């Protein structure tokens, strides 16, 4: 799967309250109209991790193969 553009991901996460976990990010992205590719990428994040900021999230997304 191609890596999603971090700018596109953050666009769909605008207004999310950090720290946030995977489920919060997925829920927010769906509410913002994120496409299946972005949701699929977020679903690959670790389950028990809190993301402290957009930068923290982008780092984790960059580690997904």
PDB file of N, CA and C in Angstrom:
ATOM      1  N   UNK A   1       0.843  -1.183   0.000  1.00  0.00           N
ATOM      2  CA  UNK A   1       0.000   0.000   0.000  1.00  0.00           C
ATOM      3  C   UNK A   1       0.880   1.235   0.000  1.00  0.00           C
ATOM      4  N   UNK A   2       0.495   2.202  -0.787  1.00  0.00           N
ATOM      5  CA  UNK A   2       1.243   3.454  -0.834  1.00  0.00           C
ATOM      6  C   UNK A   2       1.034   4.234   0.457  1.00  0.00           C
ATOM      7  N   UNK A   3       2.051   4.943   0.823  1.00  0.00           N
ATOM      8  CA  UNK A   3       1.939   5.776   2.026  1.00  0.00           C
ATOM      9  C   UNK A   3       1.035   6.963   1.725  1.00  0.00           C
ATOM     10  N   UNK A   4       0.143   7.246   2.660  1.00  0.00           N
ATOM     11  CA  UNK A   4      -0.732   8.402   2.489  1.00  0.00           C
ATOM     12  C   UNK A   4       0.064   9.676   2.763  1.00  0.00           C
ATOM     13  N   UNK A   5      -0.344  10.723   2.135  1.00  0.00           N
ATOM     14  CA  UNK A   5       0.285  12.018   2.324  1.00  0.00           C
ATOM     15  C   UNK A   5      -0.020  12.529   3.738  1.00  0.00           C
ATOM     16  N   UNK A   6       1.006  12.844   4.541  1.00  0.00           N
ATOM     17  CA  UNK A   6       0.771  13.338   5.906  1.00  0.00           C
ATOM     18  C   UNK A   6      -0.116  14.578   5.957  1.00  0.00           C
ATOM     19  N   UNK A   7      -0.020  15.427   4.941  1.00  0.00           N
ATOM     20  CA  UNK A   7      -0.858  16.631   4.904  1.00  0.00           C
ATOM     21  C   UNK A   7      -2.323  16.232   4.738  1.00  0.00           C
ATOM     22  N   UNK A   8      -2.590  15.257   3.869  1.00  0.00           N
ATOM     23  CA  UNK A   8      -3.963  14.788   3.664  1.00  0.00           C
ATOM     24  C   UNK A   8      -4.511  14.154   4.935  1.00  0.00           C
ATOM     25  N   UNK A   9      -3.684  13.382   5.623  1.00  0.00           N
ATOM     26  CA  UNK A   9      -4.118  12.746   6.870  1.00  0.00           C
ATOM     27  C   UNK A   9      -4.444  13.815   7.902  1.00  0.00           C
ATOM     28  N   UNK A  10      -3.560  14.778   8.071  1.00  0.00           N
ATOM     29  CA  UNK A  10      -3.786  15.822   9.073  1.00  0.00           C
ATOM     30  C   UNK A  10      -5.005  16.673   8.726  1.00  0.00           C
ATOM     31  N   UNK A  11      -5.287  16.827   7.446  1.00  0.00           N
ATOM     32  CA  UNK A  11      -6.479  17.576   7.039  1.00  0.00           C
ATOM     33  C   UNK A  11      -7.733  16.910   7.594  1.00  0.00           C
ATOM     34  N   UNK A  12      -7.755  15.579   7.558  1.00  0.00           N
ATOM     35  CA  UNK A  12      -8.917  14.840   8.063  1.00  0.00           C
ATOM     36  C   UNK A  12      -8.915  14.714   9.578  1.00  0.00           C
ATOM     37  N   UNK A  13      -7.816  15.072  10.203  1.00  0.00           N
ATOM     38  CA  UNK A  13      -7.736  15.013  11.669  1.00  0.00           C
ATOM     39  C   UNK A  13      -7.762  16.407  12.290  1.00  0.00           C
ATOM     40  N   UNK A  14      -8.045  17.411  11.486  1.00  0.00           N
ATOM     41  CA  UNK A  14      -8.101  18.785  11.994  1.00  0.00           C
ATOM     42  C   UNK A  14      -9.125  18.875  13.123  1.00  0.00           C
ATOM     43  N   UNK A  15      -8.687  19.458  14.234  1.00  0.00           N
ATOM     44  CA  UNK A  15      -9.575  19.631  15.373  1.00  0.00           C
ATOM     45  C   UNK A  15      -9.573  18.494  16.369  1.00  0.00           C
ATOM     46  N   UNK A  16      -8.841  17.418  16.072  1.00  0.00           N
ATOM     47  CA  UNK A  16      -8.786  16.305  17.031  1.00  0.00           C
ATOM     48  C   UNK A  16      -8.011  16.751  18.271  1.00  0.00           C
ATOM     49  N   UNK A  17      -8.455  16.291  19.417  1.00  0.00           N
ATOM     50  CA  UNK A  17      -7.784  16.643  20.669  1.00  0.00           C
ATOM     51  C   UNK A  17      -6.694  15.623  20.969  1.00  0.00           C
ATOM     52  N   UNK A  18      -5.458  16.105  21.021  1.00  0.00           N
ATOM     53  CA  UNK A  18      -4.326  15.249  21.403  1.00  0.00           C
ATOM     54  C   UNK A  18      -4.094  15.404  22.893  1.00  0.00           C
ATOM     55  N   UNK A  19      -3.620  14.380  23.602  1.00  0.00           N
ATOM     56  CA  UNK A  19      -3.287  13.056  23.068  1.00  0.00           C
ATOM     57  C   UNK A  19      -4.539  12.297  22.642  1.00  0.00           C
ATOM     58  N   UNK A  20      -4.366  11.455  21.629  1.00  0.00           N
ATOM     59  CA  UNK A  20      -5.467  10.660  21.087  1.00  0.00           C
ATOM     60  C   UNK A  20      -4.965   9.254  20.797  1.00  0.00           C
ATOM     61  N   UNK A  21      -5.874   8.285  20.938  1.00  0.00           N
ATOM     62  CA  UNK A  21      -5.487   6.916  20.595  1.00  0.00           C
ATOM     63  C   UNK A  21      -6.013   6.570  19.203  1.00  0.00           C
ATOM     64  N   UNK A  22      -5.673   5.392  18.756  1.00  0.00           N
ATOM     65  CA  UNK A  22      -6.017   4.937  17.409  1.00  0.00           C
ATOM     66  C   UNK A  22      -7.517   5.051  17.134  1.00  0.00           C
ATOM     67  N   UNK A  23      -8.341   4.576  18.063  1.00  0.00           N
ATOM     68  CA  UNK A  23      -9.789   4.593  17.832  1.00  0.00           C
ATOM     69  C   UNK A  23     -10.340   6.010  17.723  1.00  0.00           C
ATOM     70  N   UNK A  24      -9.830   6.922  18.543  1.00  0.00           N
ATOM     71  CA  UNK A  24     -10.265   8.318  18.459  1.00  0.00           C
ATOM     72  C   UNK A  24      -9.894   8.916  17.103  1.00  0.00           C
ATOM     73  N   UNK A  25      -8.696   8.611  16.641  1.00  0.00           N
ATOM     74  CA  UNK A  25      -8.238   9.147  15.355  1.00  0.00           C
ATOM     75  C   UNK A  25      -9.084   8.611  14.205  1.00  0.00           C
ATOM     76  N   UNK A  26      -9.387   7.319  14.228  1.00  0.00           N
ATOM     77  CA  UNK A  26     -10.210   6.711  13.176  1.00  0.00           C
ATOM     78  C   UNK A  26     -11.613   7.323  13.187  1.00  0.00           C
ATOM     79  N   UNK A  27     -12.196   7.440  14.362  1.00  0.00           N
ATOM     80  CA  UNK A  27     -13.544   8.008  14.482  1.00  0.00           C
ATOM     81  C   UNK A  27     -13.574   9.439  13.941  1.00  0.00           C
ATOM     82  N   UNK A  28     -12.590  10.238  14.330  1.00  0.00           N
ATOM     83  CA  UNK A  28     -12.540  11.627  13.895  1.00  0.00           C
ATOM     84  C   UNK A  28     -12.347  11.718  12.377  1.00  0.00           C
ATOM     85  N   UNK A  29     -11.445  10.902  11.851  1.00  0.00           N
ATOM     86  CA  UNK A  29     -11.183  10.920  10.406  1.00  0.00           C
ATOM     87  C   UNK A  29     -12.447  10.555   9.626  1.00  0.00           C
ATOM     88  N   UNK A  30     -13.194   9.553  10.100  1.00  0.00           N
ATOM     89  CA  UNK A  30     -14.442   9.168   9.428  1.00  0.00           C
ATOM     90  C   UNK A  30     -15.438  10.313   9.460  1.00  0.00           C
ATOM     91  N   UNK A  31     -15.536  10.993  10.590  1.00  0.00           N
ATOM     92  CA  UNK A  31     -16.459  12.125  10.706  1.00  0.00           C
ATOM     93  C   UNK A  31     -16.075  13.266   9.756  1.00  0.00           C
ATOM     94  N   UNK A  32     -14.789  13.355   9.444  1.00  0.00           N
ATOM     95  CA  UNK A  32     -14.294  14.411   8.560  1.00  0.00           C
ATOM     96  C   UNK A  32     -14.296  13.987   7.092  1.00  0.00           C
ATOM     97  N   UNK A  33     -14.806  12.791   6.812  1.00  0.00           N
ATOM     98  CA  UNK A  33     -14.932  12.348   5.426  1.00  0.00           C
ATOM     99  C   UNK A  33     -13.679  11.746   4.821  1.00  0.00           C
ATOM    100  N   UNK A  34     -12.802  11.204   5.654  1.00  0.00           N
ATOM    101  CA  UNK A  34     -11.573  10.584   5.142  1.00  0.00           C
ATOM    102  C   UNK A  34     -11.911   9.396   4.244  1.00  0.00           C
ATOM    103  N   UNK A  35     -11.104   9.200   3.215  1.00  0.00           N
ATOM    104  CA  UNK A  35     -11.346   8.081   2.311  1.00  0.00           C
ATOM    105  C   UNK A  35     -10.827   6.770   2.912  1.00  0.00           C
ATOM    106  N   UNK A  36     -11.140   5.692   2.227  1.00  0.00           N
ATOM    107  CA  UNK A  36     -10.806   4.343   2.721  1.00  0.00           C
ATOM    108  C   UNK A  36      -9.291   4.174   2.904  1.00  0.00           C
ATOM    109  N   UNK A  37      -8.494   4.778   2.046  1.00  0.00           N
ATOM    110  CA  UNK A  37      -7.032   4.641   2.137  1.00  0.00           C
ATOM    111  C   UNK A  37      -6.516   5.219   3.460  1.00  0.00           C
ATOM    112  N   UNK A  38      -7.016   6.380   3.835  1.00  0.00           N
ATOM    113  CA  UNK A  38      -6.575   7.018   5.083  1.00  0.00           C
ATOM    114  C   UNK A  38      -7.047   6.215   6.285  1.00  0.00           C
ATOM    115  N   UNK A  39      -8.306   5.763   6.263  1.00  0.00           N
ATOM    116  CA  UNK A  39      -8.829   4.958   7.371  1.00  0.00           C
ATOM    117  C   UNK A  39      -8.021   3.673   7.510  1.00  0.00           C
ATOM    118  N   UNK A  40      -7.723   3.037   6.393  1.00  0.00           N
ATOM    119  CA  UNK A  40      -6.945   1.795   6.400  1.00  0.00           C
ATOM    120  C   UNK A  40      -5.565   2.016   7.014  1.00  0.00           C
ATOM    121  N   UNK A  41      -4.944   3.130   6.684  1.00  0.00           N
ATOM    122  CA  UNK A  41      -3.629   3.437   7.236  1.00  0.00           C
ATOM    123  C   UNK A  41      -3.727   3.650   8.754  1.00  0.00           C
ATOM    124  N   UNK A  42      -4.721   4.395   9.197  1.00  0.00           N
ATOM    125  CA  UNK A  42      -4.899   4.622  10.636  1.00  0.00           C
ATOM    126  C   UNK A  42      -5.171   3.311  11.377  1.00  0.00           C
ATOM    127  N   UNK A  43      -5.873   2.390  10.719  1.00  0.00           N
ATOM    128  CA  UNK A  43      -6.179   1.100  11.348  1.00  0.00           C
ATOM    129  C   UNK A  43      -4.924   0.264  11.582  1.00  0.00           C
ATOM    130  N   UNK A  44      -3.844   0.586  10.911  1.00  0.00           N
ATOM    131  CA  UNK A  44      -2.588  -0.154  11.081  1.00  0.00           C
ATOM    132  C   UNK A  44      -1.742   0.371  12.242  1.00  0.00           C
ATOM    133  N   UNK A  45      -2.179   1.450  12.869  1.00  0.00           N
ATOM    134  CA  UNK A  45      -1.440   1.995  14.018  1.00  0.00           C
ATOM    135  C   UNK A  45      -1.490   1.018  15.187  1.00  0.00           C
ATOM    136  N   UNK A  46      -0.508   1.087  16.097  1.00  0.00           N
ATOM    137  CA  UNK A  46      -0.533   0.222  17.284  1.00  0.00           C
ATOM    138  C   UNK A  46      -1.782   0.498  18.128  1.00  0.00           C
ATOM    139  N   UNK A  47      -2.362  -0.560  18.685  1.00  0.00           N
ATOM    140  CA  UNK A  47      -3.611  -0.432  19.438  1.00  0.00           C
ATOM    141  C   UNK A  47      -3.484   0.325  20.749  1.00  0.00           C
ATOM    142  N   UNK A  48      -2.404   0.119  21.461  1.00  0.00           N
ATOM    143  CA  UNK A  48      -2.312   0.662  22.822  1.00  0.00           C
ATOM    144  C   UNK A  48      -1.391   1.866  22.932  1.00  0.00           C
ATOM    145  N   UNK A  49      -1.355   2.664  21.887  1.00  0.00           N
ATOM    146  CA  UNK A  49      -0.455   3.813  21.898  1.00  0.00           C
ATOM    147  C   UNK A  49      -1.255   5.107  21.899  1.00  0.00           C
ATOM    148  N   UNK A  50      -0.783   6.067  22.688  1.00  0.00           N
ATOM    149  CA  UNK A  50      -1.356   7.412  22.689  1.00  0.00           C
ATOM    150  C   UNK A  50      -0.451   8.290  21.833  1.00  0.00           C
ATOM    151  N   UNK A  51      -1.050   9.057  20.949  1.00  0.00           N
ATOM    152  CA  UNK A  51      -0.292   9.969  20.106  1.00  0.00           C
ATOM    153  C   UNK A  51      -0.422  11.357  20.704  1.00  0.00           C
ATOM    154  N   UNK A  52       0.717  11.951  21.036  1.00  0.00           N
ATOM    155  CA  UNK A  52       0.739  13.211  21.778  1.00  0.00           C
ATOM    156  C   UNK A  52       0.521  14.439  20.907  1.00  0.00           C
ATOM    157  N   UNK A  53       0.790  14.315  19.593  1.00  0.00           N
ATOM    158  CA  UNK A  53       0.712  15.467  18.701  1.00  0.00           C
ATOM    159  C   UNK A  53       0.635  14.963  17.258  1.00  0.00           C
ATOM    160  N   UNK A  54       0.309  15.857  16.321  1.00  0.00           N
ATOM    161  CA  UNK A  54       0.342  15.453  14.912  1.00  0.00           C
ATOM    162  C   UNK A  54       1.720  14.944  14.485  1.00  0.00           C
ATOM    163  N   UNK A  55       2.773  15.533  15.021  1.00  0.00           N
ATOM    164  CA  UNK A  55       4.132  15.088  14.695  1.00  0.00           C
ATOM    165  C   UNK A  55       4.357  13.656  15.161  1.00  0.00           C
ATOM    166  N   UNK A  56       3.898  13.349  16.372  1.00  0.00           N
ATOM    167  CA  UNK A  56       4.005  12.004  16.931  1.00  0.00           C
ATOM    168  C   UNK A  56       3.245  11.002  16.052  1.00  0.00           C
ATOM    169  N   UNK A  57       2.068  11.389  15.612  1.00  0.00           N
ATOM    170  CA  UNK A  57       1.271  10.527  14.739  1.00  0.00           C
ATOM    171  C   UNK A  57       1.975  10.319  13.401  1.00  0.00           C
ATOM    172  N   UNK A  58       2.488  11.391  12.809  1.00  0.00           N
ATOM    173  CA  UNK A  58       3.178  11.259  11.516  1.00  0.00           C
ATOM    174  C   UNK A  58       4.384  10.330  11.621  1.00  0.00           C
ATOM    175  N   UNK A  59       5.090  10.383  12.748  1.00  0.00           N
ATOM    176  CA  UNK A  59       6.229   9.489  12.947  1.00  0.00           C
ATOM    177  C   UNK A  59       5.771   8.037  12.962  1.00  0.00           C
ATOM    178  N   UNK A  60       4.689   7.757  13.694  1.00  0.00           N
ATOM    179  CA  UNK A  60       4.166   6.385  13.764  1.00  0.00           C
ATOM    180  C   UNK A  60       3.678   5.923  12.395  1.00  0.00           C
ATOM    181  N   UNK A  61       3.014   6.794  11.645  1.00  0.00           N
ATOM    182  CA  UNK A  61       2.546   6.436  10.315  1.00  0.00           C
ATOM    183  C   UNK A  61       3.708   6.147   9.381  1.00  0.00           C
ATOM    184  N   UNK A  62       4.806   6.862   9.551  1.00  0.00           N
ATOM    185  CA  UNK A  62       5.981   6.653   8.724  1.00  0.00           C
ATOM    186  C   UNK A  62       6.652   5.309   8.964  1.00  0.00           C
ATOM    187  N   UNK A  63       6.374   4.704  10.114  1.00  0.00           N
ATOM    188  CA  UNK A  63       6.971   3.407  10.464  1.00  0.00           C
ATOM    189  C   UNK A  63       6.135   2.239   9.958  1.00  0.00           C
ATOM    190  N   UNK A  64       4.936   2.509   9.460  1.00  0.00           N
ATOM    191  CA  UNK A  64       4.080   1.429   8.941  1.00  0.00           C
ATOM    192  C   UNK A  64       4.600   1.004   7.586  1.00  0.00           C
ATOM    193  N   UNK A  65       4.728  -0.294   7.418  1.00  0.00           N
ATOM    194  CA  UNK A  65       5.223  -0.831   6.136  1.00  0.00           C
ATOM    195  C   UNK A  65       4.090  -0.938   5.143  1.00  0.00           C
TER     196      UNK A  65
END
